[in-house]
Amino acid sequence: MGNEESGCSTGCPILAFFIGGMVGAGVALLLAPQSGKETRQKIKELADDAKEKVTKYAEEVKSKVTSAVGKGKELVEEKKSLITTAVEAGKEAYAKEKEKPGKG
């Protein structure tokens, strides 16, 4: 669980910085002296680039989450197996103890 939190604490500010930079670039384009057509084209390119980078970032996050979930499932299965083995050993020990003369 700590890994997901540290991933977000590192990734979230980076994403915020990136989005802030993109917004700043968009504002600069709007204030730059050029034709409306050029401005619209640059904004479109900027939006396409931002969409591509955000999609890539989302895929990386999804991959990390999927990996963490998979590792969590493996850990649960491993611990489940250990618990099952311990319970079976306990049952066997109880049965042996109960069978001894003078018990039970």
Protein backbone atom coordinates (compact mmCIF):
# COMPACT_ATOMS: atom_id res chain seq x y z
CA MET A 1 0.00 0.00 0.00
CA GLY A 2 2.91 2.32 0.68
CA ASN A 3 4.15 1.91 -2.88
CA GLU A 4 0.95 3.25 -4.38
CA GLU A 5 1.06 6.23 -2.05
CA SER A 6 4.68 7.01 -2.89
CA GLY A 7 3.91 6.57 -6.60
CA CYS A 8 1.13 9.13 -6.38
CA SER A 9 3.17 11.48 -4.22
CA THR A 10 5.84 11.47 -6.92
CA GLY A 11 3.63 11.24 -10.01
CA CYS A 12 0.88 13.69 -9.06
CA PRO A 13 3.11 16.78 -8.74
CA ILE A 14 4.84 15.86 -12.00
CA LEU A 15 1.49 15.62 -13.77
CA ALA A 16 0.34 18.90 -12.17
CA PHE A 17 3.57 20.60 -13.28
CA PHE A 18 3.11 19.28 -16.82
CA ILE A 19 -0.52 20.41 -17.03
CA GLY A 20 0.42 23.82 -15.59
CA GLY A 21 3.12 24.17 -18.23
CA MET A 22 0.64 23.26 -20.96
CA VAL A 23 -1.88 25.83 -19.68
CA GLY A 24 0.87 28.45 -19.52
CA ALA A 25 1.93 27.67 -23.08
CA GLY A 26 -1.70 27.93 -24.21
CA VAL A 27 -2.06 31.34 -22.59
CA ALA A 28 1.19 32.49 -24.19
CA LEU A 29 -0.12 31.39 -27.59
CA LEU A 30 -3.34 33.31 -27.07
CA LEU A 31 -1.46 36.48 -26.16
CA ALA A 32 1.14 36.19 -28.94
CA PRO A 33 0.70 38.52 -31.93
CA GLN A 34 -0.32 36.18 -34.77
CA SER A 35 -3.35 35.40 -36.89
CA GLY A 36 -6.34 33.57 -35.46
CA LYS A 37 -5.75 30.65 -37.81
CA GLU A 38 -2.13 30.25 -36.62
CA THR A 39 -3.21 30.51 -33.01
CA ARG A 40 -5.94 27.90 -33.45
CA GLN A 41 -3.48 25.57 -35.20
CA LYS A 42 -0.92 25.93 -32.41
CA ILE A 43 -3.58 25.38 -29.75
CA LYS A 44 -4.76 22.27 -31.60
CA GLU A 45 -1.19 20.95 -31.75
CA LEU A 46 -0.70 21.76 -28.08
CA ALA A 47 -3.96 19.99 -27.15
CA ASP A 48 -3.05 16.94 -29.24
CA ASP A 49 0.37 16.77 -27.60
CA ALA A 50 -1.16 17.13 -24.13
CA LYS A 51 -3.73 14.42 -24.88
CA GLU A 52 -1.01 12.05 -26.07
CA LYS A 53 1.17 12.65 -23.01
CA VAL A 54 -1.73 12.34 -20.54
CA THR A 55 -2.86 9.11 -22.24
CA LYS A 56 0.68 7.73 -21.97
CA TYR A 57 0.86 8.75 -18.30
CA ALA A 58 -2.54 7.13 -17.61
CA GLU A 59 -1.37 3.90 -19.26
CA GLU A 60 1.76 3.87 -17.10
CA VAL A 61 -0.31 4.41 -13.94
CA LYS A 62 -2.74 1.66 -15.00
CA SER A 63 0.18 -0.69 -15.60
CA LYS A 64 1.63 0.04 -12.16
CA VAL A 65 -1.74 -0.45 -10.47
CA THR A 66 -2.32 -3.73 -12.35
CA SER A 67 1.13 -4.91 -11.33
CA ALA A 68 0.53 -3.99 -7.69
CA VAL A 69 -2.84 -5.77 -7.70
CA GLY A 70 -1.22 -8.86 -9.21
CA LYS A 71 1.50 -8.85 -6.56
CA GLY A 72 -1.14 -8.41 -3.88
CA LYS A 73 -3.08 -11.43 -5.19
CA GLU A 74 0.11 -13.51 -5.22
CA LEU A 75 0.85 -12.49 -1.64
CA VAL A 76 -2.69 -13.37 -0.53
CA GLU A 77 -2.47 -16.78 -2.20
CA GLU A 78 0.93 -17.42 -0.60
CA LYS A 79 -0.32 -16.46 2.88
CA LYS A 80 -3.54 -18.43 2.35
CA SER A 81 -1.48 -21.52 1.57
CA LEU A 82 0.64 -21.04 4.69
CA ILE A 83 -2.45 -20.61 6.87
CA THR A 84 -4.09 -23.70 5.37
CA THR A 85 -0.93 -25.73 6.04
CA ALA A 86 -0.78 -24.46 9.62
CA VAL A 87 -4.46 -25.29 10.24
CA GLU A 88 -3.99 -28.80 8.84
CA ALA A 89 -0.92 -29.33 11.06
CA GLY A 90 -2.92 -28.12 14.05
CA LYS A 91 -5.76 -30.54 13.27
CA GLU A 92 -3.31 -33.44 12.95
CA ALA A 93 -1.62 -32.54 16.23
CA TYR A 94 -5.00 -32.30 17.96
CA ALA A 95 -6.11 -35.66 16.56
CA LYS A 96 -2.86 -37.35 17.68
CA GLU A 97 -3.11 -35.82 21.13
CA LYS A 98 -6.74 -36.91 21.45
CA GLU A 99 -5.85 -40.51 20.50
CA LYS A 100 -3.28 -40.85 23.29
CA PRO A 101 -4.41 -43.04 26.21
CA GLY A 102 -5.85 -41.15 29.11
CA LYS A 103 -6.92 -38.18 26.97
CA GLY A 104 -10.28 -37.12 25.69
